[in-house]
């Protein structure tokens, strides 16, 4: 069975090297749908609490919200960083409150202090699915990801082989010591 939740992201990007409208810097509202597969946890009668899926995903995905997403070879990248430096916001500003932990994977690097994500490939809806799966595959039993952005959409299904111990009282994943971080249950 699956538990399903969605997240909305506001972001700006462009398709560097593309010969069409998307070569210009532009913004989107993107919707990420995450489907988590597992058995129904009898203690709480659900696969995984949707608000906990959202919380787990949002911890890293908030780096994409109100962020600029550029490919690593885009010549706009050094120009943007130069402007941010001159403006005094490259290393953060007091108003930059909604940021997740920085991350660096093979596909993307998040610089939360300056609301920037640098990607290896052009950040299409398909590219976002690859990045999201890479970031969350060890935290959730992701069965399917769908990302829509404007008129564009992509979806991919995945094999779920993780065994995630869950709390019988609230349904969320137990930590490495078998303790529920939400209610304190101990396995």
N, C-alpha and C. Protein backbone atom coordinates (compact mmCIF):
# COMPACT_ATOMS: atom_id res chain seq x y z
N UNK A 1 0.85 -1.17 0.00
CA UNK A 1 0.00 0.00 0.00
C UNK A 1 0.90 1.24 0.00
N UNK A 2 0.33 2.38 -0.39
CA UNK A 2 1.11 3.61 -0.47
C UNK A 2 0.48 4.75 0.32
N UNK A 3 1.36 5.55 0.90
CA UNK A 3 0.97 6.86 1.44
C UNK A 3 1.51 7.89 0.47
N UNK A 4 0.72 8.93 0.21
CA UNK A 4 1.07 9.90 -0.82
C UNK A 4 0.96 11.32 -0.26
N UNK A 5 1.96 12.14 -0.56
CA UNK A 5 1.90 13.54 -0.15
C UNK A 5 2.51 14.42 -1.24
N UNK A 6 2.23 15.71 -1.16
CA UNK A 6 2.75 16.65 -2.15
C UNK A 6 3.43 17.83 -1.46
N UNK A 7 4.37 18.42 -2.18
CA UNK A 7 5.06 19.63 -1.75
C UNK A 7 5.03 20.62 -2.90
N UNK A 8 4.90 21.90 -2.60
CA UNK A 8 5.00 22.92 -3.63
C UNK A 8 6.30 23.69 -3.47
N UNK A 9 6.92 24.00 -4.60
CA UNK A 9 8.18 24.73 -4.63
C UNK A 9 8.06 25.89 -5.59
N UNK A 10 8.59 27.03 -5.20
CA UNK A 10 8.71 28.18 -6.09
C UNK A 10 10.21 28.31 -6.41
N UNK A 11 10.56 28.33 -7.67
CA UNK A 11 11.98 28.39 -8.02
C UNK A 11 12.16 29.08 -9.37
N UNK A 12 13.39 29.48 -9.62
CA UNK A 12 13.75 30.07 -10.91
C UNK A 12 14.89 29.25 -11.51
N UNK A 13 14.89 29.14 -12.82
CA UNK A 13 15.96 28.41 -13.51
C UNK A 13 15.97 28.82 -14.98
N UNK A 14 16.87 28.23 -15.72
CA UNK A 14 16.87 28.36 -17.17
C UNK A 14 17.57 27.15 -17.76
N UNK A 15 17.31 26.89 -19.02
CA UNK A 15 17.95 25.78 -19.71
C UNK A 15 19.11 26.35 -20.52
N UNK A 16 20.27 26.39 -19.90
CA UNK A 16 21.47 26.91 -20.57
C UNK A 16 21.79 26.05 -21.79
N UNK A 17 21.97 26.72 -22.93
CA UNK A 17 22.29 26.02 -24.18
C UNK A 17 21.07 25.56 -24.96
N UNK A 18 19.89 25.75 -24.40
CA UNK A 18 18.64 25.33 -25.05
C UNK A 18 18.24 26.38 -26.07
N UNK A 19 17.71 25.97 -27.20
CA UNK A 19 17.29 26.91 -28.25
C UNK A 19 15.78 27.08 -28.22
N UNK A 20 15.28 27.71 -27.21
CA UNK A 20 13.85 27.94 -27.07
C UNK A 20 13.61 28.91 -25.93
N UNK A 21 12.35 29.12 -25.60
CA UNK A 21 11.99 30.09 -24.55
C UNK A 21 12.65 29.80 -23.21
N UNK A 22 12.87 28.53 -22.90
CA UNK A 22 13.41 28.16 -21.59
C UNK A 22 14.87 28.54 -21.41
N UNK A 23 15.52 29.07 -22.47
CA UNK A 23 16.91 29.53 -22.30
C UNK A 23 16.98 30.82 -21.49
N UNK A 24 15.83 31.48 -21.35
CA UNK A 24 15.77 32.71 -20.55
C UNK A 24 15.47 32.36 -19.10
N UNK A 25 16.02 33.12 -18.19
CA UNK A 25 15.75 32.93 -16.77
C UNK A 25 14.26 33.15 -16.53
N UNK A 26 13.62 32.18 -15.84
CA UNK A 26 12.18 32.26 -15.60
C UNK A 26 11.85 31.48 -14.33
N UNK A 27 10.65 31.67 -13.83
CA UNK A 27 10.25 31.03 -12.59
C UNK A 27 9.10 30.07 -12.77
N UNK A 28 8.94 29.19 -11.79
CA UNK A 28 7.89 28.17 -11.81
C UNK A 28 7.34 27.94 -10.42
N UNK A 29 6.14 27.41 -10.38
CA UNK A 29 5.63 26.73 -9.21
C UNK A 29 5.67 25.25 -9.57
N UNK A 30 6.42 24.49 -8.80
CA UNK A 30 6.53 23.06 -9.04
C UNK A 30 5.81 22.30 -7.96
N UNK A 31 5.24 21.17 -8.32
CA UNK A 31 4.58 20.31 -7.35
C UNK A 31 5.24 18.94 -7.39
N UNK A 32 5.76 18.54 -6.26
CA UNK A 32 6.40 17.24 -6.11
C UNK A 32 5.43 16.31 -5.38
N UNK A 33 5.12 15.18 -5.98
CA UNK A 33 4.28 14.17 -5.35
C UNK A 33 5.16 12.98 -5.01
N UNK A 34 5.13 12.60 -3.74
CA UNK A 34 5.94 11.49 -3.25
C UNK A 34 5.01 10.37 -2.81
N UNK A 35 5.23 9.17 -3.37
CA UNK A 35 4.46 8.00 -2.98
C UNK A 35 5.40 7.03 -2.27
N UNK A 36 5.07 6.72 -1.03
CA UNK A 36 5.88 5.84 -0.19
C UNK A 36 5.16 4.51 -0.06
N UNK A 37 5.87 3.43 -0.31
CA UNK A 37 5.30 2.09 -0.29
C UNK A 37 5.83 1.31 0.91
N UNK A 38 4.95 0.58 1.57
CA UNK A 38 5.34 -0.31 2.66
C UNK A 38 4.09 -1.05 3.12
N UNK A 39 4.24 -1.85 4.13
CA UNK A 39 3.07 -2.50 4.70
C UNK A 39 2.36 -1.51 5.61
N UNK A 40 1.10 -1.76 5.87
CA UNK A 40 0.36 -0.90 6.79
C UNK A 40 0.84 -1.21 8.20
N UNK A 41 1.29 -0.17 8.90
CA UNK A 41 1.75 -0.30 10.28
C UNK A 41 0.50 -0.47 11.15
N UNK A 42 0.33 -1.66 11.71
CA UNK A 42 -0.89 -1.97 12.45
C UNK A 42 -1.12 -1.07 13.67
N UNK A 43 -0.06 -0.58 14.25
CA UNK A 43 -0.22 0.28 15.42
C UNK A 43 -0.96 1.57 15.12
N UNK A 44 -0.75 2.10 13.92
CA UNK A 44 -1.37 3.39 13.56
C UNK A 44 -2.24 3.27 12.31
N UNK A 45 -2.33 2.05 11.73
CA UNK A 45 -3.17 1.78 10.56
C UNK A 45 -2.86 2.66 9.36
N UNK A 46 -1.57 2.86 9.11
CA UNK A 46 -1.14 3.60 7.92
C UNK A 46 0.24 3.12 7.51
N UNK A 47 0.60 3.41 6.27
CA UNK A 47 1.93 3.07 5.77
C UNK A 47 2.96 3.97 6.43
N UNK A 48 2.76 5.25 6.30
CA UNK A 48 3.68 6.25 6.85
C UNK A 48 2.88 7.54 6.95
N UNK A 49 2.91 8.24 8.06
CA UNK A 49 2.13 9.47 8.17
C UNK A 49 2.54 10.48 7.09
N UNK A 50 1.57 10.95 6.32
CA UNK A 50 1.87 11.88 5.22
C UNK A 50 2.57 13.14 5.71
N UNK A 51 2.19 13.63 6.89
CA UNK A 51 2.87 14.83 7.40
C UNK A 51 4.34 14.54 7.71
N UNK A 52 4.67 13.29 8.06
CA UNK A 52 6.06 12.93 8.31
C UNK A 52 6.83 12.73 7.00
N UNK A 53 6.16 12.23 5.96
CA UNK A 53 6.80 12.16 4.64
C UNK A 53 7.16 13.57 4.21
N UNK A 54 6.19 14.48 4.35
CA UNK A 54 6.40 15.87 3.95
C UNK A 54 7.54 16.50 4.76
N UNK A 55 7.54 16.25 6.06
CA UNK A 55 8.58 16.81 6.95
C UNK A 55 9.97 16.29 6.56
N UNK A 56 10.07 14.99 6.32
CA UNK A 56 11.35 14.38 5.93
C UNK A 56 11.82 14.95 4.59
N UNK A 57 10.92 15.03 3.62
CA UNK A 57 11.28 15.56 2.30
C UNK A 57 11.59 17.05 2.36
N UNK A 58 10.77 17.79 3.10
CA UNK A 58 10.93 19.24 3.14
C UNK A 58 12.28 19.65 3.72
N UNK A 59 12.82 18.83 4.63
CA UNK A 59 14.11 19.16 5.25
C UNK A 59 15.18 19.44 4.19
N UNK A 60 15.18 18.68 3.09
CA UNK A 60 16.15 18.95 2.02
C UNK A 60 15.53 19.74 0.88
N UNK A 61 14.23 19.53 0.61
CA UNK A 61 13.60 20.18 -0.54
C UNK A 61 13.41 21.68 -0.34
N UNK A 62 13.39 22.15 0.90
CA UNK A 62 13.22 23.60 1.10
C UNK A 62 14.40 24.38 0.53
N UNK A 63 15.52 23.69 0.25
CA UNK A 63 16.63 24.36 -0.42
C UNK A 63 16.28 24.77 -1.85
N UNK A 64 15.26 24.14 -2.43
CA UNK A 64 14.82 24.47 -3.79
C UNK A 64 13.75 25.56 -3.80
N UNK A 65 13.11 25.80 -2.67
CA UNK A 65 12.01 26.75 -2.61
C UNK A 65 12.55 28.18 -2.56
N UNK A 66 12.04 29.04 -3.44
CA UNK A 66 12.50 30.41 -3.57
C UNK A 66 14.00 30.46 -3.83
N UNK A 67 14.45 29.50 -4.61
CA UNK A 67 15.87 29.40 -4.94
C UNK A 67 16.08 29.55 -6.44
N UNK A 68 17.30 29.86 -6.79
CA UNK A 68 17.74 29.87 -8.17
C UNK A 68 18.44 28.55 -8.42
N UNK A 69 18.05 27.84 -9.48
CA UNK A 69 18.65 26.55 -9.81
C UNK A 69 19.35 26.72 -11.15
N UNK A 70 20.68 26.59 -11.14
CA UNK A 70 21.47 26.76 -12.36
C UNK A 70 22.39 25.57 -12.56
N UNK A 71 22.64 25.25 -13.81
CA UNK A 71 23.60 24.20 -14.14
C UNK A 71 25.00 24.71 -13.86
N UNK A 72 25.90 23.80 -13.44
CA UNK A 72 27.23 24.18 -13.00
C UNK A 72 28.07 24.91 -14.06
N UNK A 73 27.77 24.70 -15.34
CA UNK A 73 28.54 25.36 -16.40
C UNK A 73 27.84 26.61 -16.96
N UNK A 74 26.76 27.04 -16.32
CA UNK A 74 26.02 28.21 -16.79
C UNK A 74 26.83 29.48 -16.49
N UNK A 75 27.11 30.30 -17.51
CA UNK A 75 27.89 31.53 -17.27
C UNK A 75 27.16 32.54 -16.39
N UNK A 76 25.87 32.37 -16.15
CA UNK A 76 25.17 33.25 -15.21
C UNK A 76 25.62 33.01 -13.77
N UNK A 77 26.08 31.79 -13.47
CA UNK A 77 26.42 31.43 -12.10
C UNK A 77 27.46 32.37 -11.47
N UNK A 78 28.62 32.59 -12.10
CA UNK A 78 29.58 33.51 -11.47
C UNK A 78 29.04 34.94 -11.39
N UNK A 79 28.24 35.35 -12.37
CA UNK A 79 27.67 36.69 -12.35
C UNK A 79 26.70 36.85 -11.18
N UNK A 80 25.87 35.85 -10.95
CA UNK A 80 24.92 35.88 -9.82
C UNK A 80 25.69 35.95 -8.50
N UNK A 81 26.69 35.10 -8.36
CA UNK A 81 27.48 35.09 -7.12
C UNK A 81 28.18 36.42 -6.90
N UNK A 82 28.64 37.06 -7.98
CA UNK A 82 29.28 38.37 -7.87
C UNK A 82 28.27 39.42 -7.38
N UNK A 83 27.07 39.40 -7.94
CA UNK A 83 26.02 40.33 -7.51
C UNK A 83 25.67 40.09 -6.04
N UNK A 84 25.52 38.83 -5.66
CA UNK A 84 25.21 38.50 -4.27
C UNK A 84 26.31 38.98 -3.33
N UNK A 85 27.55 38.82 -3.76
CA UNK A 85 28.70 39.29 -2.95
C UNK A 85 28.64 40.80 -2.77
N UNK A 86 28.41 41.52 -3.85
CA UNK A 86 28.33 42.99 -3.79
C UNK A 86 27.14 43.46 -2.96
N UNK A 87 26.08 42.68 -2.99
CA UNK A 87 24.87 43.02 -2.25
C UNK A 87 24.98 42.62 -0.77
N UNK A 88 25.98 41.80 -0.45
CA UNK A 88 26.19 41.37 0.92
C UNK A 88 25.31 40.21 1.35
N UNK A 89 24.79 39.44 0.39
CA UNK A 89 23.90 38.32 0.75
C UNK A 89 24.45 36.96 0.31
N UNK A 90 25.65 36.91 -0.23
CA UNK A 90 26.20 35.63 -0.69
C UNK A 90 26.30 34.63 0.46
N UNK A 91 26.67 35.09 1.63
CA UNK A 91 26.81 34.21 2.79
C UNK A 91 25.60 34.27 3.71
N UNK A 92 24.49 34.74 3.18
CA UNK A 92 23.25 34.76 3.95
C UNK A 92 22.85 36.16 4.38
N UNK A 93 21.62 36.26 4.78
CA UNK A 93 21.05 37.51 5.27
C UNK A 93 20.08 37.16 6.39
N UNK A 94 19.83 38.08 7.31
CA UNK A 94 18.91 37.78 8.42
C UNK A 94 17.51 37.34 7.96
N UNK A 95 17.08 37.79 6.79
CA UNK A 95 15.75 37.42 6.30
C UNK A 95 15.72 36.03 5.67
N UNK A 96 16.88 35.41 5.46
CA UNK A 96 16.96 34.09 4.84
C UNK A 96 16.77 33.03 5.93
N UNK A 97 15.54 32.81 6.31
CA UNK A 97 15.22 31.90 7.42
C UNK A 97 14.86 30.49 6.98
N UNK A 98 14.27 30.36 5.80
CA UNK A 98 13.77 29.06 5.37
C UNK A 98 14.81 28.34 4.53
N UNK A 99 15.72 27.67 5.20
CA UNK A 99 16.78 26.97 4.48
C UNK A 99 17.04 25.63 5.14
N UNK A 100 17.36 24.66 4.32
CA UNK A 100 17.69 23.34 4.82
C UNK A 100 19.19 23.21 4.95
N UNK A 101 19.64 22.04 5.39
CA UNK A 101 21.08 21.82 5.48
C UNK A 101 21.69 21.76 4.08
N UNK A 102 22.88 22.28 3.96
CA UNK A 102 23.58 22.22 2.67
C UNK A 102 23.77 20.75 2.30
N UNK A 103 23.75 20.46 1.02
CA UNK A 103 24.04 19.10 0.58
C UNK A 103 24.86 19.14 -0.69
N UNK A 104 25.60 18.05 -0.91
CA UNK A 104 26.38 17.89 -2.13
C UNK A 104 26.26 16.43 -2.55
N UNK A 105 25.68 16.22 -3.71
CA UNK A 105 25.57 14.88 -4.27
C UNK A 105 26.21 14.91 -5.66
N UNK A 106 26.20 13.79 -6.32
CA UNK A 106 26.74 13.74 -7.67
C UNK A 106 25.91 14.60 -8.63
N UNK A 107 24.62 14.79 -8.32
CA UNK A 107 23.72 15.50 -9.23
C UNK A 107 23.52 16.98 -8.89
N UNK A 108 23.66 17.35 -7.62
CA UNK A 108 23.36 18.73 -7.23
C UNK A 108 24.07 19.11 -5.93
N UNK A 109 24.28 20.43 -5.79
CA UNK A 109 24.86 21.00 -4.57
C UNK A 109 23.99 22.17 -4.15
N UNK A 110 23.57 22.15 -2.87
CA UNK A 110 22.74 23.25 -2.35
C UNK A 110 23.62 24.20 -1.54
N UNK A 111 23.43 25.49 -1.81
CA UNK A 111 24.07 26.57 -1.07
C UNK A 111 22.95 27.36 -0.41
N UNK A 112 22.43 26.87 0.73
CA UNK A 112 21.24 27.48 1.33
C UNK A 112 21.42 28.93 1.76
N UNK A 113 22.63 29.31 2.11
CA UNK A 113 22.85 30.70 2.56
C UNK A 113 22.52 31.71 1.47
N UNK A 114 22.73 31.32 0.20
CA UNK A 114 22.42 32.26 -0.88
C UNK A 114 21.30 31.77 -1.78
N UNK A 115 20.46 30.83 -1.28
CA UNK A 115 19.27 30.36 -2.00
C UNK A 115 19.62 29.91 -3.41
N UNK A 116 20.63 29.06 -3.52
CA UNK A 116 21.13 28.62 -4.82
C UNK A 116 21.34 27.11 -4.80
N UNK A 117 20.89 26.44 -5.88
CA UNK A 117 21.19 25.03 -6.09
C UNK A 117 21.88 24.94 -7.44
N UNK A 118 23.04 24.29 -7.44
CA UNK A 118 23.82 24.11 -8.66
C UNK A 118 23.71 22.65 -9.06
N UNK A 119 23.30 22.43 -10.31
CA UNK A 119 23.07 21.06 -10.79
C UNK A 119 24.07 20.66 -11.85
N UNK A 120 24.27 19.36 -11.97
CA UNK A 120 25.16 18.84 -13.01
C UNK A 120 24.47 18.89 -14.37
N UNK A 121 23.17 18.59 -14.38
CA UNK A 121 22.39 18.58 -15.62
C UNK A 121 21.35 19.70 -15.57
N UNK A 122 20.78 20.02 -16.71
CA UNK A 122 19.70 21.00 -16.76
C UNK A 122 18.56 20.54 -15.87
N UNK A 123 18.02 21.44 -15.08
CA UNK A 123 16.98 21.08 -14.11
C UNK A 123 15.61 21.10 -14.79
N UNK A 124 15.33 19.99 -15.46
CA UNK A 124 14.02 19.74 -16.06
C UNK A 124 13.16 19.02 -15.02
N UNK A 125 11.92 18.71 -15.33
CA UNK A 125 11.11 17.92 -14.40
C UNK A 125 11.71 16.52 -14.21
N UNK A 126 12.26 15.97 -15.29
CA UNK A 126 12.93 14.68 -15.19
C UNK A 126 14.19 14.78 -14.32
N UNK A 127 14.93 15.87 -14.51
CA UNK A 127 16.13 16.09 -13.70
C UNK A 127 15.80 16.24 -12.22
N UNK A 128 14.70 16.92 -11.92
CA UNK A 128 14.30 17.09 -10.52
C UNK A 128 13.98 15.74 -9.89
N UNK A 129 13.32 14.87 -10.62
CA UNK A 129 13.01 13.53 -10.09
C UNK A 129 14.29 12.78 -9.74
N UNK A 130 15.29 12.85 -10.61
CA UNK A 130 16.56 12.17 -10.33
C UNK A 130 17.21 12.73 -9.06
N UNK A 131 17.20 14.06 -8.93
CA UNK A 131 17.81 14.71 -7.77
C UNK A 131 17.05 14.33 -6.49
N UNK A 132 15.72 14.41 -6.52
CA UNK A 132 14.91 14.11 -5.34
C UNK A 132 15.11 12.65 -4.91
N UNK A 133 15.08 11.74 -5.85
CA UNK A 133 15.27 10.34 -5.49
C UNK A 133 16.63 10.12 -4.84
N UNK A 134 17.65 10.73 -5.40
CA UNK A 134 19.00 10.60 -4.85
C UNK A 134 19.06 11.13 -3.41
N UNK A 135 18.35 12.21 -3.13
CA UNK A 135 18.37 12.82 -1.80
C UNK A 135 17.54 12.05 -0.78
N UNK A 136 16.47 11.38 -1.21
CA UNK A 136 15.52 10.78 -0.26
C UNK A 136 15.47 9.26 -0.25
N UNK A 137 16.18 8.61 -1.16
CA UNK A 137 16.05 7.15 -1.31
C UNK A 137 16.40 6.37 -0.05
N UNK A 138 17.26 6.89 0.80
CA UNK A 138 17.63 6.18 2.02
C UNK A 138 16.77 6.57 3.22
N UNK A 139 15.90 7.56 3.04
CA UNK A 139 15.07 8.05 4.15
C UNK A 139 13.63 7.58 4.06
N UNK A 140 13.18 7.29 2.85
CA UNK A 140 11.80 6.89 2.62
C UNK A 140 11.76 5.75 1.61
N UNK A 141 10.78 4.88 1.70
CA UNK A 141 10.57 3.82 0.71
C UNK A 141 9.82 4.41 -0.48
N UNK A 142 10.52 5.13 -1.31
CA UNK A 142 9.89 5.83 -2.43
C UNK A 142 9.49 4.84 -3.51
N UNK A 143 8.19 4.79 -3.78
CA UNK A 143 7.66 3.92 -4.84
C UNK A 143 7.50 4.70 -6.14
N UNK A 144 7.18 6.00 -6.01
CA UNK A 144 6.94 6.80 -7.22
C UNK A 144 7.14 8.27 -6.88
N UNK A 145 7.75 8.97 -7.81
CA UNK A 145 7.88 10.42 -7.73
C UNK A 145 7.26 11.03 -8.98
N UNK A 146 6.52 12.10 -8.79
CA UNK A 146 5.97 12.86 -9.91
C UNK A 146 6.31 14.32 -9.65
N UNK A 147 6.81 15.00 -10.67
CA UNK A 147 7.09 16.42 -10.53
C UNK A 147 6.44 17.15 -11.69
N UNK A 148 5.62 18.15 -11.36
CA UNK A 148 4.99 18.99 -12.37
C UNK A 148 5.48 20.41 -12.19
N UNK A 149 5.66 21.08 -13.29
CA UNK A 149 6.15 22.45 -13.28
C UNK A 149 5.58 23.14 -14.51
N UNK A 150 4.63 24.03 -14.29
CA UNK A 150 3.94 24.63 -15.43
C UNK A 150 3.19 23.54 -16.19
N UNK A 151 3.39 23.50 -17.50
CA UNK A 151 2.75 22.48 -18.33
C UNK A 151 3.57 21.19 -18.42
N UNK A 152 4.71 21.16 -17.75
CA UNK A 152 5.61 20.01 -17.84
C UNK A 152 5.39 19.07 -16.66
N UNK A 153 5.50 17.78 -16.93
CA UNK A 153 5.36 16.78 -15.87
C UNK A 153 6.19 15.56 -16.23
N UNK A 154 6.68 14.91 -15.19
CA UNK A 154 7.39 13.63 -15.35
C UNK A 154 7.10 12.79 -14.13
N UNK A 155 7.24 11.48 -14.30
CA UNK A 155 6.96 10.55 -13.23
C UNK A 155 7.86 9.34 -13.40
N UNK A 156 8.30 8.77 -12.28
CA UNK A 156 9.09 7.55 -12.34
C UNK A 156 8.75 6.68 -11.13
N UNK A 157 8.68 5.37 -11.39
CA UNK A 157 8.43 4.41 -10.31
C UNK A 157 9.74 3.73 -9.94
N UNK A 158 9.84 3.34 -8.66
CA UNK A 158 11.07 2.77 -8.13
C UNK A 158 10.77 1.49 -7.36
N UNK A 159 11.74 0.58 -7.31
CA UNK A 159 11.66 -0.60 -6.46
C UNK A 159 11.89 -0.14 -5.03
N UNK A 160 11.11 -0.64 -4.10
CA UNK A 160 11.28 -0.28 -2.69
C UNK A 160 11.83 -1.47 -1.94
N UNK A 161 13.10 -1.38 -1.59
CA UNK A 161 13.76 -2.48 -0.90
C UNK A 161 14.23 -2.12 0.50
N UNK A 162 14.02 -0.89 0.91
CA UNK A 162 14.45 -0.48 2.25
C UNK A 162 13.60 -1.16 3.31
N UNK A 163 14.23 -1.49 4.43
CA UNK A 163 13.45 -1.90 5.60
C UNK A 163 13.60 -0.77 6.61
N UNK A 164 12.53 -0.07 6.83
CA UNK A 164 12.53 1.05 7.76
C UNK A 164 11.67 0.68 8.96
N UNK A 165 12.32 0.54 10.13
CA UNK A 165 11.57 0.27 11.35
C UNK A 165 10.76 1.50 11.71
N UNK A 166 9.47 1.26 11.97
CA UNK A 166 8.58 2.37 12.29
C UNK A 166 7.97 2.21 13.68
N UNK A 167 7.66 3.31 14.27
CA UNK A 167 7.07 3.35 15.60
C UNK A 167 5.64 2.82 15.55
N UNK A 168 5.27 1.88 16.44
CA UNK A 168 3.90 1.39 16.46
C UNK A 168 2.90 2.39 17.05
N UNK A 169 3.41 3.45 17.67
CA UNK A 169 2.53 4.44 18.29
C UNK A 169 2.21 5.63 17.39
N UNK A 170 3.20 6.03 16.57
CA UNK A 170 2.94 7.19 15.70
C UNK A 170 3.32 6.96 14.24
N UNK A 171 3.94 5.83 13.92
CA UNK A 171 4.18 5.46 12.53
C UNK A 171 5.44 5.97 11.88
N UNK A 172 6.19 6.84 12.55
CA UNK A 172 7.37 7.40 11.88
C UNK A 172 8.58 6.49 12.06
N UNK A 173 9.63 6.77 11.30
CA UNK A 173 10.83 5.95 11.32
C UNK A 173 11.56 6.09 12.66
N UNK A 174 11.99 4.93 13.17
CA UNK A 174 12.81 4.93 14.38
C UNK A 174 14.23 5.34 14.02
N UNK A 175 14.93 5.95 14.97
CA UNK A 175 16.32 6.34 14.71
C UNK A 175 17.23 5.12 14.77
N UNK A 176 18.52 5.34 14.58
CA UNK A 176 19.49 4.23 14.54
C UNK A 176 19.56 3.45 15.85
N UNK A 177 19.06 4.02 16.95
CA UNK A 177 19.04 3.33 18.24
C UNK A 177 17.69 2.67 18.53
N UNK A 178 16.77 2.67 17.55
CA UNK A 178 15.46 2.07 17.74
C UNK A 178 14.52 2.92 18.57
N UNK A 179 14.76 4.22 18.60
CA UNK A 179 13.95 5.15 19.39
C UNK A 179 13.17 6.06 18.44
N UNK A 180 11.91 6.29 18.77
CA UNK A 180 11.09 7.20 17.97
C UNK A 180 11.45 8.64 18.34
N UNK A 181 11.88 9.43 17.37
CA UNK A 181 12.23 10.82 17.67
C UNK A 181 11.03 11.71 18.01
N UNK A 182 9.84 11.21 17.71
CA UNK A 182 8.64 12.01 17.96
C UNK A 182 8.04 11.73 19.34
N UNK A 183 7.84 10.44 19.68
CA UNK A 183 7.14 10.14 20.93
C UNK A 183 8.02 9.45 21.98
N UNK A 184 9.23 9.06 21.60
CA UNK A 184 10.14 8.44 22.56
C UNK A 184 10.03 6.93 22.70
N UNK A 185 9.12 6.29 21.95
CA UNK A 185 8.99 4.83 22.00
C UNK A 185 10.36 4.19 21.75
N UNK A 186 10.65 3.12 22.51
CA UNK A 186 11.90 2.37 22.33
C UNK A 186 11.57 0.95 21.90
N UNK A 187 12.24 0.49 20.87
CA UNK A 187 12.03 -0.86 20.33
C UNK A 187 12.60 -1.90 21.29
